[in-house]
Every structure is written in C-alpha cells, then in structure tokens.
Protein backbone atom coordinates (compact mmCIF):
# COMPACT_ATOMS: atom_id res chain seq x y z
CA MET A 1 -52.33 81.37 65.00
CA THR A 2 -49.30 79.12 64.65
CA ILE A 3 -47.62 78.33 61.34
CA HIS A 4 -49.14 74.83 61.45
CA GLU A 5 -52.60 76.32 61.95
CA ASN A 6 -52.05 78.80 59.10
CA VAL A 7 -50.97 75.97 56.78
CA LYS A 8 -54.05 73.94 57.69
CA GLU A 9 -56.37 76.90 57.03
CA ILE A 10 -54.76 77.81 53.68
CA LEU A 11 -54.78 74.22 52.44
CA HIS A 12 -58.44 73.99 53.39
CA ASN A 13 -59.20 77.17 51.42
CA ILE A 14 -57.28 75.81 48.44
CA THR A 15 -59.16 72.51 48.48
CA LYS A 16 -62.45 74.42 48.34
CA ALA A 17 -61.26 76.69 45.51
CA LYS A 18 -59.71 74.21 43.11
CA SER A 19 -61.41 71.73 40.84
CA ALA A 20 -61.21 68.01 41.54
CA SER A 21 -58.82 67.42 38.64
CA GLN A 22 -56.70 70.56 39.11
CA LYS A 23 -53.04 69.92 39.91
CA LEU A 24 -51.66 72.56 42.25
CA SER A 25 -48.32 73.14 43.97
CA VAL A 26 -48.29 75.40 47.02
CA ILE A 27 -45.08 77.42 47.35
CA ALA A 28 -44.05 78.98 50.66
CA VAL A 29 -42.35 82.32 50.02
CA THR A 30 -39.88 82.54 52.90
CA LYS A 31 -38.13 85.79 51.98
CA SER A 32 -39.29 87.54 55.17
CA VAL A 33 -38.51 84.80 57.68
CA ASP A 34 -35.44 83.01 58.98
CA THR A 35 -34.37 79.39 58.53
CA LYS A 36 -36.04 78.33 61.78
CA GLN A 37 -39.46 79.51 60.60
CA THR A 38 -38.82 78.04 57.18
CA LYS A 39 -38.18 74.70 58.89
CA GLU A 40 -41.52 75.05 60.69
CA ILE A 41 -43.37 75.41 57.42
CA ILE A 42 -41.53 72.38 56.05
CA ASP A 43 -42.52 70.38 59.14
CA ALA A 44 -46.12 71.46 58.49
CA GLY A 45 -45.99 69.71 55.12
CA ILE A 46 -44.93 72.37 52.60
CA CYS A 47 -41.99 71.19 50.50
CA HIS A 48 -41.90 73.94 47.84
CA ILE A 49 -39.77 76.86 49.09
CA ALA A 50 -39.18 80.19 47.33
CA GLU A 51 -36.75 83.05 47.78
CA ASN A 52 -36.33 86.30 45.85
CA ARG A 53 -32.74 87.26 46.72
CA VAL A 54 -29.61 85.35 45.82
CA ASP A 55 -27.93 85.67 49.22
CA SER A 56 -31.03 84.52 51.12
CA PHE A 57 -31.57 81.66 48.70
CA LEU A 58 -28.02 80.38 49.09
CA LYS A 59 -28.11 80.66 52.90
CA LYS A 60 -31.32 78.68 53.27
CA TYR A 61 -30.45 76.22 50.52
CA HIS A 62 -27.28 75.16 52.34
CA GLU A 63 -28.81 75.26 55.83
CA LEU A 64 -31.68 73.02 54.70
CA GLU A 65 -29.70 70.62 52.53
CA GLU A 66 -30.90 67.62 54.53
CA GLU A 67 -34.53 68.37 53.68
CA ARG A 68 -36.20 67.03 50.54
CA LEU A 69 -37.31 70.31 48.98
CA THR A 70 -38.24 71.82 45.66
CA TRP A 71 -36.55 75.21 45.34
CA HIS A 72 -38.03 78.19 43.51
CA PHE A 73 -36.42 81.54 42.73
CA ILE A 74 -39.12 84.16 42.23
CA GLY A 75 -37.29 87.49 42.23
CA ASN A 76 -35.57 89.63 39.67
CA LEU A 77 -32.27 87.90 38.87
CA GLN A 78 -29.33 90.05 37.81
CA ARG A 79 -27.33 88.50 35.00
CA ARG A 80 -24.11 88.72 36.99
CA LYS A 81 -25.72 86.58 39.72
CA VAL A 82 -27.03 83.82 37.46
CA LYS A 83 -23.94 81.62 37.81
CA GLU A 84 -24.27 81.58 41.62
CA ILE A 85 -27.64 79.85 41.81
CA ILE A 86 -29.02 78.71 38.48
CA ASP A 87 -27.98 75.06 38.85
CA LEU A 88 -29.51 74.92 42.34
CA VAL A 89 -33.03 76.10 41.53
CA ASP A 90 -35.75 73.68 40.47
CA TYR A 91 -37.97 76.43 39.04
CA PHE A 92 -37.18 80.00 38.01
CA HIS A 93 -40.30 82.18 37.94
CA ALA A 94 -39.03 85.50 36.62
CA LEU A 95 -37.62 85.11 33.12
CA ASP A 96 -38.20 88.66 31.91
CA SER A 97 -35.72 89.29 29.08
CA LEU A 98 -33.87 87.56 26.28
CA LYS A 99 -30.56 88.76 27.70
CA LEU A 100 -31.29 86.97 30.97
CA ALA A 101 -32.24 83.86 29.00
CA GLU A 102 -28.94 84.04 27.14
CA GLU A 103 -27.04 84.22 30.43
CA ILE A 104 -28.91 81.23 31.83
CA GLU A 105 -28.17 79.33 28.62
CA LYS A 106 -24.49 80.17 29.07
CA ARG A 107 -24.21 79.28 32.76
CA ALA A 108 -26.58 76.34 33.36
CA THR A 109 -25.23 72.81 33.14
CA HIS A 110 -28.66 71.22 32.69
CA PRO A 111 -32.09 72.36 31.46
CA ILE A 112 -33.75 74.81 33.86
CA LYS A 113 -37.53 74.89 34.27
CA CYS A 114 -38.55 78.51 33.74
CA PHE A 115 -41.68 80.61 33.75
CA ILE A 116 -41.81 83.58 31.38
CA GLU A 117 -42.95 86.62 33.35
CA ILE A 118 -45.90 88.39 31.71
CA ASN A 119 -47.01 91.90 32.65
CA VAL A 120 -50.70 91.29 31.97
CA SER A 121 -51.91 94.43 33.74
CA GLY A 122 -49.49 96.70 31.87
CA GLU A 123 -48.27 98.41 35.05
CA ALA A 124 -45.13 100.48 34.46
CA SER A 125 -43.74 99.38 37.82
CA LYS A 126 -43.82 95.69 36.93
CA GLN A 127 -41.23 93.60 35.09
CA GLY A 128 -42.10 91.18 32.32
CA PHE A 129 -43.07 90.90 28.69
CA SER A 130 -46.30 92.15 27.22
CA ILE A 131 -48.54 89.52 25.65
CA GLU A 132 -47.63 90.78 22.18
CA GLU A 133 -43.90 90.65 22.92
CA VAL A 134 -43.93 87.08 24.17
CA ARG A 135 -45.82 85.89 21.10
CA GLU A 136 -43.15 87.42 18.87
CA LEU A 137 -40.24 86.03 20.90
CA LEU A 138 -41.35 82.39 21.19
CA PRO A 139 -39.18 81.23 18.24
CA GLN A 140 -36.10 82.70 19.94
CA PHE A 141 -36.89 81.04 23.28
CA SER A 142 -37.30 77.70 21.54
CA LYS A 143 -33.66 77.76 20.43
CA PHE A 144 -32.25 77.58 23.97
CA GLU A 145 -31.14 74.10 25.04
CA LYS A 146 -30.74 74.88 28.77
CA ILE A 147 -34.10 76.60 29.18
CA ARG A 148 -37.42 74.78 29.32
CA ILE A 149 -40.41 77.11 29.36
CA VAL A 150 -42.81 75.17 31.58
CA GLY A 151 -45.30 78.02 31.90
CA LEU A 152 -46.16 81.65 32.47
CA MET A 153 -46.07 83.83 35.58
CA THR A 154 -47.77 87.09 36.46
CA MET A 155 -48.45 89.35 39.45
CA ALA A 156 -51.71 91.25 39.72
CA PRO A 157 -51.89 94.86 40.97
CA ILE A 158 -51.84 95.07 44.75
CA ASP A 159 -55.09 97.05 44.80
CA ALA A 160 -56.99 95.01 42.20
CA GLU A 161 -60.61 94.15 42.96
CA PRO A 162 -61.85 90.56 42.51
CA GLU A 163 -63.37 91.29 39.09
CA GLN A 164 -60.05 92.66 37.81
CA LEU A 165 -58.14 89.75 39.35
CA HIS A 166 -60.29 87.22 37.54
CA LYS A 167 -59.82 89.09 34.27
CA ILE A 168 -56.01 89.19 34.63
CA PHE A 169 -55.68 85.54 35.60
CA LYS A 170 -58.13 84.41 32.91
CA THR A 171 -56.08 86.33 30.30
CA LEU A 172 -52.89 84.54 31.36
CA LYS A 173 -54.66 81.18 31.27
CA GLN A 174 -55.82 81.87 27.71
CA LEU A 175 -52.28 82.81 26.66
CA GLN A 176 -50.86 79.67 28.29
CA GLU A 177 -53.31 77.48 26.40
CA GLU A 178 -52.59 79.31 23.15
CA ILE A 179 -48.84 78.73 23.50
CA ALA A 180 -49.20 75.11 24.63
CA LYS A 181 -51.22 74.29 21.51
CA LYS A 182 -48.32 75.40 19.30
CA ASN A 183 -46.20 72.41 20.45
CA ILE A 184 -42.98 74.44 20.25
CA THR A 185 -39.67 72.72 21.06
CA ASN A 186 -38.60 73.40 24.69
CA ILE A 187 -41.85 75.32 25.37
CA PRO A 188 -44.47 72.90 26.75
CA CYS A 189 -46.07 75.81 28.65
CA THR A 190 -48.46 73.69 30.68
CA GLU A 191 -48.13 75.56 33.99
CA LEU A 192 -49.34 78.85 35.49
CA SER A 193 -47.55 80.58 38.36
CA MET A 194 -50.13 83.07 39.60
CA GLY A 195 -51.71 83.92 42.92
CA MET A 196 -50.20 85.23 46.15
CA SER A 197 -51.42 85.69 49.72
CA ARG A 198 -53.98 88.32 48.76
CA ASP A 199 -55.35 86.73 45.59
CA TYR A 200 -54.56 83.01 45.50
CA ILE A 201 -58.24 82.01 45.60
CA GLU A 202 -59.07 83.95 42.42
CA ALA A 203 -55.92 82.61 40.74
CA ILE A 204 -56.81 79.00 41.56
CA GLN A 205 -60.33 79.50 40.27
CA GLU A 206 -58.84 80.66 36.95
CA GLY A 207 -56.53 77.67 36.59
CA SER A 208 -53.29 78.40 38.48
CA THR A 209 -51.00 75.41 39.00
CA PHE A 210 -48.46 77.13 41.30
CA VAL A 211 -49.45 79.64 44.02
CA ARG A 212 -46.81 81.67 45.85
CA ILE A 213 -47.89 82.35 49.44
CA GLY A 214 -45.79 84.21 51.99
CA ARG A 215 -47.47 86.54 54.45
CA ASN A 216 -50.50 84.33 55.15
CA PHE A 217 -48.31 81.45 56.30
CA PHE A 218 -46.39 83.55 58.82
CA LYS A 219 -48.95 86.10 60.09
C-alpha cells in the first residue's frame, strides 16, 4: 500500500473508534523515514509531525520550513540539548523529571506545551513518573512560567494484550481528569498523548486526544 492509502485506512479506523464529540490529533512519527517520505505524509493530509532525536528534528524542521506544520518532540531529551530545539517545538511529550523542567524553564523564551510522562505500567525499562510521584510534584510544576502542562503521556508495554491496554489507558484518563479538576496554575491537563501503531484503537476508545503513529503509515 502507498502512504496515501495507509493514511486513508488509519483515518477510517480512527473515525470508527472515536466518539462523535472526541477531539483527536493524529501525529505522524517520522523518525524512521527521510524528508521525502515525510513530505508524502504531509501531502496526504497529516500536519502533526513528530521526531525523537534532536538532530533528525532539526534537519526536517529546516527542510520543511515552508510547510504549515505542528511539531512534536516525543523522545528522551537530554538537558544539554534543550536549548537547541525547545523554542521550535509546539508540543513536548516526554517531560520526565524536574531537572529537565528546570532546564526548559531556563532556556525557553515562551511557554512550552508539555505532557508529563507517566509510567503507568511500572516497567523498569520505561521513563516517566509514577502516579504517586506526579501527584506529589504538581505544586512544583505549577511554579514554572515557561512550562504549560497540557496533559499526560504514556506508553503501554509492547506485548500488552487488549485487556491490559484498556486498563493502562483508562488509568491515565482517570489521572488526567483528577488533575484537571484541581484547576492548578499552568496545569490545565486536558489532553492525553497515548496510543501508537499497535494500540491506537484501544487508546482512542479510552479517551486519547493525541495518537502517535509511525510504522503503520510507512509499512
């Protein structure tokens, strides 16, 4: 199948999975493809683009400057690299420590829309805060002027069965609603970044507002 055909199929699946009132942004994760293929996905109607490495992000950002895109950074961001990209990203999906938040606060020249990364499954191999940790740290996050916590992000285990996926995504949705109700300064927390190529349907069914799809667009 072509990229255009893949986009059409995925958007059809998404329309069937989401509720009529559910707002959803579809992000193309282009970390494994070149600028030419990224341009193809843009031409197919996807305007949210994500990278997980600073060098790849900068290359594509500058090569696609003429396009009207929303840029997402979804990978682990080293503190020493923050100054290179933070003012260029529209959304940062992997805020996983207070030290990283402090560096963003120091380097950004305007408020950055961030997702706090939550390790819902408790896997040792995954980054992110535990649910208990993020509850305790909310007052500290609220003090940052250059960070706006728009929502929460998680990644489910690669081998999770549908029942486990629903449980993980439902747990994050409940936490998002809990935080949003607190009406904390700089933490609206109205969004959920969850769901990838293998599990975006389950994530949408549990309330995701941003899905991050890579492999299925380019297979």
